[in-house]
Amino acid sequence: MNEFYIKYHGNTTLSRCEALGQYIIDNNATVRSTAKVFGISKSTVHKDITKVLKHTNRNLYNQVAMVLQTNKQERHIRGGIATRDKYQSIRQLNSTKKSP
């Protein structure tokens, strides 16, 4: 079982939405990476944060919202880096195929 899942979701004093929020803050995580760690869908993470956490723990929600806003502002940069890396790996693969 994932160490993060045990650390956050294994704590019975935290609800799932609070565990998700705390993980996002502690790791500066995206919704996608949080969903992968906890083994749930991105939609569930997003719903828990925006609908449930907003009403159950407003202070935690405000901290999570700041992290998610930062991630949203940076996503075009991460996308550009991923595209660059993709085409660099394709070029490397093609150059190794042409070498005798």
PDB file of N, CA and C in Angstrom:
ATOM      1  N   MET A   1       0.846  -1.178   0.000  1.00  0.00           N
ATOM      2  CA  MET A   1       0.000   0.000   0.000  1.00  0.00           C
ATOM      3  C   MET A   1       0.895   1.246   0.000  1.00  0.00           C
ATOM      4  N   ASN A   2       0.462   2.292  -0.648  1.00  0.00           N
ATOM      5  CA  ASN A   2       1.233   3.509  -0.788  1.00  0.00           C
ATOM      6  C   ASN A   2       1.454   4.189   0.553  1.00  0.00           C
ATOM      7  N   GLU A   3       2.692   4.647   0.790  1.00  0.00           N
ATOM      8  CA  GLU A   3       3.029   5.288   2.066  1.00  0.00           C
ATOM      9  C   GLU A   3       2.220   6.556   2.305  1.00  0.00           C
ATOM     10  N   PHE A   4       1.915   7.306   1.237  1.00  0.00           N
ATOM     11  CA  PHE A   4       1.133   8.518   1.396  1.00  0.00           C
ATOM     12  C   PHE A   4      -0.303   8.197   1.766  1.00  0.00           C
ATOM     13  N   TYR A   5      -0.820   7.131   1.173  1.00  0.00           N
ATOM     14  CA  TYR A   5      -2.186   6.724   1.489  1.00  0.00           C
ATOM     15  C   TYR A   5      -2.297   6.367   2.960  1.00  0.00           C
ATOM     16  N   ILE A   6      -1.328   5.614   3.449  1.00  0.00           N
ATOM     17  CA  ILE A   6      -1.343   5.226   4.861  1.00  0.00           C
ATOM     18  C   ILE A   6      -1.189   6.452   5.750  1.00  0.00           C
ATOM     19  N   LYS A   7      -0.276   7.345   5.373  1.00  0.00           N
ATOM     20  CA  LYS A   7      -0.008   8.529   6.194  1.00  0.00           C
ATOM     21  C   LYS A   7      -1.235   9.426   6.296  1.00  0.00           C
ATOM     22  N   TYR A   8      -1.912   9.655   5.183  1.00  0.00           N
ATOM     23  CA  TYR A   8      -3.009  10.615   5.178  1.00  0.00           C
ATOM     24  C   TYR A   8      -4.377   9.968   5.361  1.00  0.00           C
ATOM     25  N   HIS A   9      -4.641   8.913   4.602  1.00  0.00           N
ATOM     26  CA  HIS A   9      -5.971   8.310   4.678  1.00  0.00           C
ATOM     27  C   HIS A   9      -6.065   7.319   5.828  1.00  0.00           C
ATOM     28  N   GLY A  10      -4.927   6.805   6.276  1.00  0.00           N
ATOM     29  CA  GLY A  10      -4.921   5.884   7.402  1.00  0.00           C
ATOM     30  C   GLY A  10      -5.202   6.576   8.721  1.00  0.00           C
ATOM     31  N   ASN A  11      -5.085   7.889   8.729  1.00  0.00           N
ATOM     32  CA  ASN A  11      -5.368   8.678   9.931  1.00  0.00           C
ATOM     33  C   ASN A  11      -6.881   8.825  10.051  1.00  0.00           C
ATOM     34  N   THR A  12      -7.470   8.172  11.022  1.00  0.00           N
ATOM     35  CA  THR A  12      -8.931   8.161  11.128  1.00  0.00           C
ATOM     36  C   THR A  12      -9.507   9.483  11.590  1.00  0.00           C
ATOM     37  N   THR A  13      -8.664  10.380  12.114  1.00  0.00           N
ATOM     38  CA  THR A  13      -9.188  11.678  12.540  1.00  0.00           C
ATOM     39  C   THR A  13      -9.436  12.603  11.360  1.00  0.00           C
ATOM     40  N   LEU A  14      -8.844  12.289  10.202  1.00  0.00           N
ATOM     41  CA  LEU A  14      -9.056  13.097   9.012  1.00  0.00           C
ATOM     42  C   LEU A  14     -10.096  12.445   8.116  1.00  0.00           C
ATOM     43  N   SER A  15     -10.989  13.239   7.568  1.00  0.00           N
ATOM     44  CA  SER A  15     -11.892  12.709   6.555  1.00  0.00           C
ATOM     45  C   SER A  15     -11.104  12.583   5.251  1.00  0.00           C
ATOM     46  N   ARG A  16     -11.666  11.930   4.265  1.00  0.00           N
ATOM     47  CA  ARG A  16     -10.958  11.752   3.000  1.00  0.00           C
ATOM     48  C   ARG A  16     -10.630  13.106   2.370  1.00  0.00           C
ATOM     49  N   CYS A  17     -11.582  14.027   2.388  1.00  0.00           N
ATOM     50  CA  CYS A  17     -11.327  15.322   1.758  1.00  0.00           C
ATOM     51  C   CYS A  17     -10.231  16.091   2.497  1.00  0.00           C
ATOM     52  N   GLU A  18     -10.174  15.970   3.810  1.00  0.00           N
ATOM     53  CA  GLU A  18      -9.103  16.619   4.567  1.00  0.00           C
ATOM     54  C   GLU A  18      -7.758  15.955   4.287  1.00  0.00           C
ATOM     55  N   ALA A  19      -7.759  14.633   4.157  1.00  0.00           N
ATOM     56  CA  ALA A  19      -6.527  13.909   3.832  1.00  0.00           C
ATOM     57  C   ALA A  19      -6.022  14.330   2.455  1.00  0.00           C
ATOM     58  N   LEU A  20      -6.927  14.463   1.499  1.00  0.00           N
ATOM     59  CA  LEU A  20      -6.546  14.908   0.162  1.00  0.00           C
ATOM     60  C   LEU A  20      -5.979  16.320   0.210  1.00  0.00           C
ATOM     61  N   GLY A  21      -6.651  17.193   0.926  1.00  0.00           N
ATOM     62  CA  GLY A  21      -6.199  18.573   1.043  1.00  0.00           C
ATOM     63  C   GLY A  21      -4.836  18.673   1.691  1.00  0.00           C
ATOM     64  N   GLN A  22      -4.631  17.921   2.744  1.00  0.00           N
ATOM     65  CA  GLN A  22      -3.344  17.955   3.442  1.00  0.00           C
ATOM     66  C   GLN A  22      -2.232  17.421   2.553  1.00  0.00           C
ATOM     67  N   TYR A  23      -2.524  16.379   1.777  1.00  0.00           N
ATOM     68  CA  TYR A  23      -1.532  15.831   0.853  1.00  0.00           C
ATOM     69  C   TYR A  23      -1.159  16.871  -0.207  1.00  0.00           C
ATOM     70  N   ILE A  24      -2.155  17.551  -0.757  1.00  0.00           N
ATOM     71  CA  ILE A  24      -1.902  18.564  -1.786  1.00  0.00           C
ATOM     72  C   ILE A  24      -1.007  19.673  -1.240  1.00  0.00           C
ATOM     73  N   ILE A  25      -1.282  20.112  -0.026  1.00  0.00           N
ATOM     74  CA  ILE A  25      -0.481  21.174   0.580  1.00  0.00           C
ATOM     75  C   ILE A  25       0.938  20.691   0.868  1.00  0.00           C
ATOM     76  N   ASP A  26       1.065  19.539   1.481  1.00  0.00           N
ATOM     77  CA  ASP A  26       2.375  19.022   1.880  1.00  0.00           C
ATOM     78  C   ASP A  26       3.292  18.750   0.695  1.00  0.00           C
ATOM     79  N   ASN A  27       2.718  18.330  -0.416  1.00  0.00           N
ATOM     80  CA  ASN A  27       3.518  17.919  -1.565  1.00  0.00           C
ATOM     81  C   ASN A  27       3.410  18.858  -2.761  1.00  0.00           C
ATOM     82  N   ASN A  28       2.692  19.960  -2.588  1.00  0.00           N
ATOM     83  CA  ASN A  28       2.468  20.899  -3.695  1.00  0.00           C
ATOM     84  C   ASN A  28       1.960  20.125  -4.920  1.00  0.00           C
ATOM     85  N   ALA A  29       1.039  19.226  -4.670  1.00  0.00           N
ATOM     86  CA  ALA A  29       0.598  18.246  -5.663  1.00  0.00           C
ATOM     87  C   ALA A  29      -0.524  18.786  -6.549  1.00  0.00           C
ATOM     88  N   THR A  30      -0.642  18.177  -7.704  1.00  0.00           N
ATOM     89  CA  THR A  30      -1.743  18.474  -8.610  1.00  0.00           C
ATOM     90  C   THR A  30      -2.905  17.531  -8.295  1.00  0.00           C
ATOM     91  N   VAL A  31      -4.061  17.845  -8.851  1.00  0.00           N
ATOM     92  CA  VAL A  31      -5.229  16.980  -8.674  1.00  0.00           C
ATOM     93  C   VAL A  31      -4.933  15.607  -9.271  1.00  0.00           C
ATOM     94  N   ARG A  32      -4.301  15.579 -10.426  1.00  0.00           N
ATOM     95  CA  ARG A  32      -3.989  14.320 -11.109  1.00  0.00           C
ATOM     96  C   ARG A  32      -3.052  13.447 -10.275  1.00  0.00           C
ATOM     97  N   SER A  33      -1.982  14.043  -9.747  1.00  0.00           N
ATOM     98  CA  SER A  33      -1.035  13.245  -8.962  1.00  0.00           C
ATOM     99  C   SER A  33      -1.654  12.785  -7.644  1.00  0.00           C
ATOM    100  N   THR A  34      -2.492  13.617  -7.056  1.00  0.00           N
ATOM    101  CA  THR A  34      -3.176  13.238  -5.818  1.00  0.00           C
ATOM    102  C   THR A  34      -4.118  12.067  -6.065  1.00  0.00           C
ATOM    103  N   ALA A  35      -4.840  12.119  -7.163  1.00  0.00           N
ATOM    104  CA  ALA A  35      -5.758  11.030  -7.505  1.00  0.00           C
ATOM    105  C   ALA A  35      -5.006   9.722  -7.694  1.00  0.00           C
ATOM    106  N   LYS A  36      -3.852   9.796  -8.330  1.00  0.00           N
ATOM    107  CA  LYS A  36      -3.057   8.597  -8.569  1.00  0.00           C
ATOM    108  C   LYS A  36      -2.570   7.993  -7.248  1.00  0.00           C
ATOM    109  N   VAL A  37      -2.107   8.844  -6.337  1.00  0.00           N
ATOM    110  CA  VAL A  37      -1.587   8.376  -5.054  1.00  0.00           C
ATOM    111  C   VAL A  37      -2.686   7.718  -4.218  1.00  0.00           C
ATOM    112  N   PHE A  38      -3.867   8.327  -4.195  1.00  0.00           N
ATOM    113  CA  PHE A  38      -4.947   7.815  -3.363  1.00  0.00           C
ATOM    114  C   PHE A  38      -5.787   6.751  -4.067  1.00  0.00           C
ATOM    115  N   GLY A  39      -5.537   6.539  -5.351  1.00  0.00           N
ATOM    116  CA  GLY A  39      -6.252   5.493  -6.077  1.00  0.00           C
ATOM    117  C   GLY A  39      -7.707   5.825  -6.344  1.00  0.00           C
ATOM    118  N   ILE A  40      -7.990   7.107  -6.561  1.00  0.00           N
ATOM    119  CA  ILE A  40      -9.347   7.544  -6.886  1.00  0.00           C
ATOM    120  C   ILE A  40      -9.289   8.408  -8.132  1.00  0.00           C
ATOM    121  N   SER A  41     -10.446   8.777  -8.659  1.00  0.00           N
ATOM    122  CA  SER A  41     -10.468   9.555  -9.892  1.00  0.00           C
ATOM    123  C   SER A  41     -10.183  11.029  -9.632  1.00  0.00           C
ATOM    124  N   LYS A  42      -9.754  11.716 -10.701  1.00  0.00           N
ATOM    125  CA  LYS A  42      -9.514  13.156 -10.604  1.00  0.00           C
ATOM    126  C   LYS A  42     -10.803  13.877 -10.254  1.00  0.00           C
ATOM    127  N   SER A  43     -11.903  13.405 -10.786  1.00  0.00           N
ATOM    128  CA  SER A  43     -13.197  14.031 -10.507  1.00  0.00           C
ATOM    129  C   SER A  43     -13.538  13.956  -9.029  1.00  0.00           C
ATOM    130  N   THR A  44     -13.231  12.834  -8.416  1.00  0.00           N
ATOM    131  CA  THR A  44     -13.501  12.666  -6.990  1.00  0.00           C
ATOM    132  C   THR A  44     -12.644  13.606  -6.163  1.00  0.00           C
ATOM    133  N   VAL A  45     -11.363  13.712  -6.514  1.00  0.00           N
ATOM    134  CA  VAL A  45     -10.477  14.628  -5.797  1.00  0.00           C
ATOM    135  C   VAL A  45     -11.004  16.055  -5.926  1.00  0.00           C
ATOM    136  N   HIS A  46     -11.316  16.450  -7.144  1.00  0.00           N
ATOM    137  CA  HIS A  46     -11.791  17.811  -7.384  1.00  0.00           C
ATOM    138  C   HIS A  46     -13.089  18.081  -6.633  1.00  0.00           C
ATOM    139  N   LYS A  47     -14.016  17.123  -6.667  1.00  0.00           N
ATOM    140  CA  LYS A  47     -15.289  17.298  -5.972  1.00  0.00           C
ATOM    141  C   LYS A  47     -15.082  17.390  -4.466  1.00  0.00           C
ATOM    142  N   ASP A  48     -14.242  16.509  -3.925  1.00  0.00           N
ATOM    143  CA  ASP A  48     -13.986  16.542  -2.486  1.00  0.00           C
ATOM    144  C   ASP A  48     -13.381  17.869  -2.054  1.00  0.00           C
ATOM    145  N   ILE A  49     -12.484  18.405  -2.865  1.00  0.00           N
ATOM    146  CA  ILE A  49     -11.829  19.662  -2.505  1.00  0.00           C
ATOM    147  C   ILE A  49     -12.780  20.843  -2.665  1.00  0.00           C
ATOM    148  N   THR A  50     -13.434  20.944  -3.812  1.00  0.00           N
ATOM    149  CA  THR A  50     -14.226  22.142  -4.088  1.00  0.00           C
ATOM    150  C   THR A  50     -15.598  22.145  -3.435  1.00  0.00           C
ATOM    151  N   LYS A  51     -16.186  20.996  -3.245  1.00  0.00           N
ATOM    152  CA  LYS A  51     -17.541  20.955  -2.676  1.00  0.00           C
ATOM    153  C   LYS A  51     -17.528  20.626  -1.184  1.00  0.00           C
ATOM    154  N   VAL A  52     -16.844  19.548  -0.811  1.00  0.00           N
ATOM    155  CA  VAL A  52     -16.919  19.058   0.561  1.00  0.00           C
ATOM    156  C   VAL A  52     -15.983  19.837   1.485  1.00  0.00           C
ATOM    157  N   LEU A  53     -14.710  19.910   1.109  1.00  0.00           N
ATOM    158  CA  LEU A  53     -13.723  20.558   1.973  1.00  0.00           C
ATOM    159  C   LEU A  53     -14.043  22.035   2.181  1.00  0.00           C
ATOM    160  N   LYS A  54     -14.572  22.652   1.164  1.00  0.00           N
ATOM    161  CA  LYS A  54     -14.922  24.078   1.255  1.00  0.00           C
ATOM    162  C   LYS A  54     -15.892  24.339   2.409  1.00  0.00           C
ATOM    163  N   HIS A  55     -16.761  23.377   2.681  1.00  0.00           N
ATOM    164  CA  HIS A  55     -17.769  23.555   3.732  1.00  0.00           C
ATOM    165  C   HIS A  55     -17.355  22.956   5.068  1.00  0.00           C
ATOM    166  N   THR A  56     -16.452  21.984   5.048  1.00  0.00           N
ATOM    167  CA  THR A  56     -16.092  21.319   6.301  1.00  0.00           C
ATOM    168  C   THR A  56     -14.872  21.934   6.977  1.00  0.00           C
ATOM    169  N   ASN A  57     -13.904  22.411   6.193  1.00  0.00           N
ATOM    170  CA  ASN A  57     -12.680  22.965   6.775  1.00  0.00           C
ATOM    171  C   ASN A  57     -12.219  24.112   5.886  1.00  0.00           C
ATOM    172  N   ARG A  58     -12.746  25.282   6.141  1.00  0.00           N
ATOM    173  CA  ARG A  58     -12.509  26.447   5.276  1.00  0.00           C
ATOM    174  C   ARG A  58     -11.031  26.866   5.240  1.00  0.00           C
ATOM    175  N   ASN A  59     -10.336  26.791   6.382  1.00  0.00           N
ATOM    176  CA  ASN A  59      -8.928  27.179   6.411  1.00  0.00           C
ATOM    177  C   ASN A  59      -8.080  26.267   5.532  1.00  0.00           C
ATOM    178  N   LEU A  60      -8.297  24.973   5.644  1.00  0.00           N
ATOM    179  CA  LEU A  60      -7.569  24.012   4.814  1.00  0.00           C
ATOM    180  C   LEU A  60      -7.912  24.225   3.345  1.00  0.00           C
ATOM    181  N   TYR A  61      -9.182  24.466   3.064  1.00  0.00           N
ATOM    182  CA  TYR A  61      -9.618  24.714   1.687  1.00  0.00           C
ATOM    183  C   TYR A  61      -8.883  25.917   1.088  1.00  0.00           C
ATOM    184  N   ASN A  62      -8.758  26.988   1.857  1.00  0.00           N
ATOM    185  CA  ASN A  62      -8.085  28.185   1.348  1.00  0.00           C
ATOM    186  C   ASN A  62      -6.620  27.902   1.018  1.00  0.00           C
ATOM    187  N   GLN A  63      -5.952  27.095   1.821  1.00  0.00           N
ATOM    188  CA  GLN A  63      -4.558  26.734   1.550  1.00  0.00           C
ATOM    189  C   GLN A  63      -4.453  25.867   0.297  1.00  0.00           C
ATOM    190  N   VAL A  64      -5.369  24.915   0.173  1.00  0.00           N
ATOM    191  CA  VAL A  64      -5.380  24.034  -1.002  1.00  0.00           C
ATOM    192  C   VAL A  64      -5.679  24.847  -2.254  1.00  0.00           C
ATOM    193  N   ALA A  65      -6.602  25.777  -2.160  1.00  0.00           N
ATOM    194  CA  ALA A  65      -6.975  26.596  -3.314  1.00  0.00           C
ATOM    195  C   ALA A  65      -5.772  27.393  -3.827  1.00  0.00           C
ATOM    196  N   MET A  66      -4.927  27.872  -2.926  1.00  0.00           N
ATOM    197  CA  MET A  66      -3.732  28.614  -3.350  1.00  0.00           C
ATOM    198  C   MET A  66      -2.765  27.697  -4.107  1.00  0.00           C
ATOM    199  N   VAL A  67      -2.571  26.474  -3.616  1.00  0.00           N
ATOM    200  CA  VAL A  67      -1.680  25.518  -4.294  1.00  0.00           C
ATOM    201  C   VAL A  67      -2.241  25.176  -5.675  1.00  0.00           C
ATOM    202  N   LEU A  68      -3.536  24.906  -5.742  1.00  0.00           N
ATOM    203  CA  LEU A  68      -4.141  24.541  -7.026  1.00  0.00           C
ATOM    204  C   LEU A  68      -4.122  25.706  -8.010  1.00  0.00           C
ATOM    205  N   GLN A  69      -4.272  26.931  -7.514  1.00  0.00           N
ATOM    206  CA  GLN A  69      -4.196  28.099  -8.388  1.00  0.00           C
ATOM    207  C   GLN A  69      -2.794  28.246  -8.965  1.00  0.00           C
ATOM    208  N   THR A  70      -1.792  28.018  -8.146  1.00  0.00           N
ATOM    209  CA  THR A  70      -0.396  28.065  -8.620  1.00  0.00           C
ATOM    210  C   THR A  70      -0.169  26.992  -9.677  1.00  0.00           C
ATOM    211  N   ASN A  71      -0.658  25.785  -9.417  1.00  0.00           N
ATOM    212  CA  ASN A  71      -0.519  24.695 -10.391  1.00  0.00           C
ATOM    213  C   ASN A  71      -1.206  25.045 -11.707  1.00  0.00           C
ATOM    214  N   LYS A  72      -2.352  25.687 -11.614  1.00  0.00           N
ATOM    215  CA  LYS A  72      -3.093  26.060 -12.813  1.00  0.00           C
ATOM    216  C   LYS A  72      -2.315  27.090 -13.629  1.00  0.00           C
ATOM    217  N   GLN A  73      -1.672  28.024 -12.942  1.00  0.00           N
ATOM    218  CA  GLN A  73      -0.891  29.047 -13.636  1.00  0.00           C
ATOM    219  C   GLN A  73       0.360  28.469 -14.286  1.00  0.00           C
ATOM    220  N   GLU A  74       0.880  27.374 -13.748  1.00  0.00           N
ATOM    221  CA  GLU A  74       2.115  26.782 -14.255  1.00  0.00           C
ATOM    222  C   GLU A  74       1.893  25.648 -15.245  1.00  0.00           C
ATOM    223  N   ARG A  75       0.660  25.231 -15.461  1.00  0.00           N
ATOM    224  CA  ARG A  75       0.445  24.031 -16.269  1.00  0.00           C
ATOM    225  C   ARG A  75       0.873  24.199 -17.719  1.00  0.00           C
ATOM    226  N   HIS A  76       0.775  25.391 -18.269  1.00  0.00           N
ATOM    227  CA  HIS A  76       1.212  25.570 -19.658  1.00  0.00           C
ATOM    228  C   HIS A  76       2.724  25.390 -19.774  1.00  0.00           C
ATOM    229  N   ILE A  77       3.447  25.723 -18.727  1.00  0.00           N
ATOM    230  CA  ILE A  77       4.891  25.529 -18.729  1.00  0.00           C
ATOM    231  C   ILE A  77       5.223  24.046 -18.674  1.00  0.00           C
ATOM    232  N   ARG A  78       4.535  23.312 -17.779  1.00  0.00           N
ATOM    233  CA  ARG A  78       4.768  21.867 -17.685  1.00  0.00           C
ATOM    234  C   ARG A  78       4.398  21.169 -18.983  1.00  0.00           C
ATOM    235  N   GLY A  79       3.336  21.625 -19.628  1.00  0.00           N
ATOM    236  CA  GLY A  79       2.930  21.042 -20.908  1.00  0.00           C
ATOM    237  C   GLY A  79       3.973  21.269 -21.984  1.00  0.00           C
ATOM    238  N   GLY A  80       4.554  22.456 -22.003  1.00  0.00           N
ATOM    239  CA  GLY A  80       5.606  22.765 -22.974  1.00  0.00           C
ATOM    240  C   GLY A  80       6.842  21.919 -22.750  1.00  0.00           C
ATOM    241  N   ILE A  81       7.198  21.727 -21.498  1.00  0.00           N
ATOM    242  CA  ILE A  81       8.357  20.894 -21.169  1.00  0.00           C
ATOM    243  C   ILE A  81       8.106  19.451 -21.586  1.00  0.00           C
ATOM    244  N   ALA A  82       6.906  18.957 -21.333  1.00  0.00           N
ATOM    245  CA  ALA A  82       6.577  17.580 -21.706  1.00  0.00           C
ATOM    246  C   ALA A  82       6.627  17.403 -23.224  1.00  0.00           C
ATOM    247  N   THR A  83       6.135  18.382 -23.961  1.00  0.00           N
ATOM    248  CA  THR A  83       6.168  18.305 -25.423  1.00  0.00           C
ATOM    249  C   THR A  83       7.604  18.332 -25.925  1.00  0.00           C
ATOM    250  N   ARG A  84       8.424  19.212 -25.371  1.00  0.00           N
ATOM    251  CA  ARG A  84       9.836  19.281 -25.758  1.00  0.00           C
ATOM    252  C   ARG A  84      10.531  17.947 -25.499  1.00  0.00           C
ATOM    253  N   ASP A  85      10.296  17.379 -24.328  1.00  0.00           N
ATOM    254  CA  ASP A  85      10.919  16.100 -23.982  1.00  0.00           C
ATOM    255  C   ASP A  85      10.463  14.980 -24.914  1.00  0.00           C
ATOM    256  N   LYS A  86       9.194  15.012 -25.275  1.00  0.00           N
ATOM    257  CA  LYS A  86       8.657  13.992 -26.181  1.00  0.00           C
ATOM    258  C   LYS A  86       9.396  14.020 -27.522  1.00  0.00           C
ATOM    259  N   TYR A  87       9.527  15.209 -28.099  1.00  0.00           N
ATOM    260  CA  TYR A  87      10.158  15.304 -29.401  1.00  0.00           C
ATOM    261  C   TYR A  87      11.665  15.091 -29.331  1.00  0.00           C
ATOM    262  N   GLN A  88      12.289  15.423 -28.210  1.00  0.00           N
ATOM    263  CA  GLN A  88      13.708  15.109 -28.050  1.00  0.00           C
ATOM    264  C   GLN A  88      13.922  13.602 -28.013  1.00  0.00           C
ATOM    265  N   SER A  89      13.057  12.880 -27.325  1.00  0.00           N
ATOM    266  CA  SER A  89      13.200  11.421 -27.267  1.00  0.00           C
ATOM    267  C   SER A  89      12.935  10.787 -28.630  1.00  0.00           C
ATOM    268  N   ILE A  90      12.014  11.348 -29.393  1.00  0.00           N
ATOM    269  CA  ILE A  90      11.754  10.838 -30.745  1.00  0.00           C
ATOM    270  C   ILE A  90      12.983  11.058 -31.630  1.00  0.00           C
ATOM    271  N   ARG A  91      13.594  12.256 -31.520  1.00  0.00           N
ATOM    272  CA  ARG A  91      14.799  12.541 -32.303  1.00  0.00           C
ATOM    273  C   ARG A  91      15.937  11.598 -31.927  1.00  0.00           C
ATOM    274  N   GLN A  92      16.093  11.335 -30.640  1.00  0.00           N
ATOM    275  CA  GLN A  92      17.152  10.423 -30.208  1.00  0.00           C
ATOM    276  C   GLN A  92      16.906   9.013 -30.713  1.00  0.00           C
ATOM    277  N   LEU A  93      15.661   8.577 -30.666  1.00  0.00           N
ATOM    278  CA  LEU A  93      15.306   7.252 -31.145  1.00  0.00           C
ATOM    279  C   LEU A  93      15.582   7.139 -32.644  1.00  0.00           C
ATOM    280  N   ASN A  94      15.214   8.162 -33.422  1.00  0.00           N
ATOM    281  CA  ASN A  94      15.448   8.156 -34.855  1.00  0.00           C
ATOM    282  C   ASN A  94      16.930   8.198 -35.191  1.00  0.00           C
ATOM    283  N   SER A  95      17.715   8.928 -34.410  1.00  0.00           N
ATOM    284  CA  SER A  95      19.156   9.004 -34.696  1.00  0.00           C
ATOM    285  C   SER A  95      19.855   7.687 -34.375  1.00  0.00           C
ATOM    286  N   THR A  96      19.386   6.949 -33.394  1.00  0.00           N
ATOM    287  CA  THR A  96      19.990   5.651 -33.086  1.00  0.00           C
ATOM    288  C   THR A  96      19.609   4.608 -34.129  1.00  0.00           C
ATOM    289  N   LYS A  97      18.449   4.746 -34.737  1.00  0.00           N
ATOM    290  CA  LYS A  97      18.030   3.809 -35.785  1.00  0.00           C
ATOM    291  C   LYS A  97      18.877   4.001 -37.050  1.00  0.00           C
ATOM    292  N   LYS A  98      19.271   5.248 -37.345  1.00  0.00           N
ATOM    293  CA  LYS A  98      20.025   5.544 -38.570  1.00  0.00           C
ATOM    294  C   LYS A  98      21.487   5.156 -38.425  1.00  0.00           C
ATOM    295  N   SER A  99      22.021   5.101 -37.216  1.00  0.00           N
ATOM    296  CA  SER A  99      23.427   4.736 -37.012  1.00  0.00           C
ATOM    297  C   SER A  99      23.635   3.258 -37.283  1.00  0.00           C
ATOM    298  N   PRO A 100      24.753   2.900 -37.997  1.00  0.00           N
ATOM    299  CA  PRO A 100      24.985   1.469 -38.297  1.00  0.00           C
ATOM    300  C   PRO A 100      25.472   0.702 -37.108  1.00  0.00           C
TER     301      PRO A 100
END
